[in-house]
Amino acid sequence: MGLTLAVFHADHMLRGEESAGDAEFVREMAEGLGLPSRSVRIDVKREIEETGRSPQDAARALRLEALLDYATSGRRTASRWGTPPTIRWRRS
């Protein structure tokens, strides 16, 4: 099948240190699963100020742009990708 999985995380920079903690948690989880990962920071507040978009629309647009950039960068040639609903993992 030739399926390769990778983890992508977008920090929307809306919750300060808590957002940074989420990024680290995702990195550690991906590493534990043996999956490559990338975390990016996207400035949703700036996008809202510059475009007048709603927070949800601004976040979605920036997240998709960053995901597409990741999916097609380097040696990746993603022909299929998915974005699951938000999953909340409980930290131990």
Protein backbone atom coordinates (compact mmCIF):
# COMPACT_ATOMS: atom_id res chain seq x y z
CA MET A 1 0.00 0.00 0.00
CA GLY A 2 2.95 2.32 0.57
CA LEU A 3 1.30 4.32 3.34
CA THR A 4 3.52 6.61 5.37
CA LEU A 5 2.12 8.39 8.40
CA ALA A 6 3.33 11.65 9.89
CA VAL A 7 2.00 13.97 12.57
CA PHE A 8 1.37 17.66 11.99
CA HIS A 9 0.48 20.08 14.78
CA ALA A 10 -0.53 23.72 14.44
CA ASP A 11 -0.10 26.03 17.43
CA HIS A 12 -2.59 28.86 16.91
CA MET A 13 -0.74 31.03 19.45
CA LEU A 14 -3.96 31.83 21.27
CA ARG A 15 -3.30 30.25 24.68
CA GLY A 16 0.27 31.19 25.56
CA GLU A 17 2.26 28.61 27.49
CA GLU A 18 -0.59 26.10 27.32
CA SER A 19 -0.28 26.09 23.51
CA ALA A 20 3.46 25.50 23.75
CA GLY A 21 2.80 22.62 26.12
CA ASP A 22 0.39 21.08 23.63
CA ALA A 23 3.03 21.22 20.91
CA GLU A 24 5.55 19.46 23.15
CA PHE A 25 2.97 16.82 24.12
CA VAL A 26 2.22 16.09 20.45
CA ARG A 27 5.94 15.87 19.64
CA GLU A 28 6.52 13.41 22.47
CA MET A 29 3.52 11.30 21.51
CA ALA A 30 4.60 11.12 17.85
CA GLU A 31 8.13 10.23 18.90
CA GLY A 32 6.78 7.47 21.15
CA LEU A 33 4.85 6.06 18.18
CA GLY A 34 7.91 6.28 15.95
CA LEU A 35 6.28 8.83 13.65
CA PRO A 36 7.91 11.91 12.15
CA SER A 37 6.27 15.13 13.24
CA ARG A 38 6.27 18.84 12.68
CA SER A 39 4.79 21.58 14.78
CA VAL A 40 4.25 25.06 13.37
CA ARG A 41 3.10 28.30 14.93
CA ILE A 42 0.43 30.24 13.08
CA ASP A 43 -0.49 33.78 14.08
CA VAL A 44 -4.28 33.69 14.04
CA LYS A 45 -4.67 37.04 15.83
CA ARG A 46 -2.63 38.81 13.17
CA GLU A 47 -4.63 37.15 10.39
CA ILE A 48 -7.87 38.33 12.03
CA GLU A 49 -6.55 41.89 12.35
CA GLU A 50 -5.27 42.00 8.76
CA THR A 51 -8.24 40.34 7.04
CA GLY A 52 -11.25 40.76 9.30
CA ARG A 53 -11.91 37.02 9.14
CA SER A 54 -13.62 35.23 12.00
CA PRO A 55 -11.27 33.40 14.39
CA GLN A 56 -12.45 30.02 13.09
CA ASP A 57 -12.02 30.98 9.44
CA ALA A 58 -8.61 32.54 10.02
CA ALA A 59 -7.37 29.51 11.96
CA ARG A 60 -8.70 27.08 9.34
CA ALA A 61 -7.12 28.95 6.43
CA LEU A 62 -3.71 29.28 8.09
CA ARG A 63 -3.75 25.68 9.30
CA LEU A 64 -4.60 24.36 5.84
CA GLU A 65 -1.90 26.48 4.20
CA ALA A 66 0.73 25.21 6.67
CA LEU A 67 -0.46 21.59 6.31
CA LEU A 68 -0.32 21.72 2.52
CA ASP A 69 3.17 23.22 2.69
CA TYR A 70 4.30 20.39 4.97
CA ALA A 71 2.58 17.68 2.92
CA THR A 72 4.32 18.76 -0.28
CA SER A 73 7.74 19.80 1.08
CA GLY A 74 10.96 17.88 0.83
CA ARG A 75 10.57 14.33 -0.36
CA ARG A 76 6.93 14.15 0.66
CA THR A 77 4.49 13.76 -2.19
CA ALA A 78 1.23 13.44 -0.35
CA SER A 79 -1.56 12.43 -2.65
CA ARG A 80 -3.89 11.68 0.26
CA TRP A 81 -4.06 13.27 3.66
CA GLY A 82 -6.63 13.73 6.33
CA THR A 83 -7.48 16.02 9.16
CA PRO A 84 -9.27 14.20 11.96
CA PRO A 85 -11.54 16.02 14.35
CA THR A 86 -9.79 17.53 17.34
CA ILE A 87 -8.67 14.77 19.65
CA ARG A 88 -8.05 15.56 23.29
CA TRP A 89 -5.56 13.24 24.97
CA ARG A 90 -5.46 13.19 28.71
CA ARG A 91 -2.04 13.84 30.08
CA SER A 92 -0.88 11.59 32.88
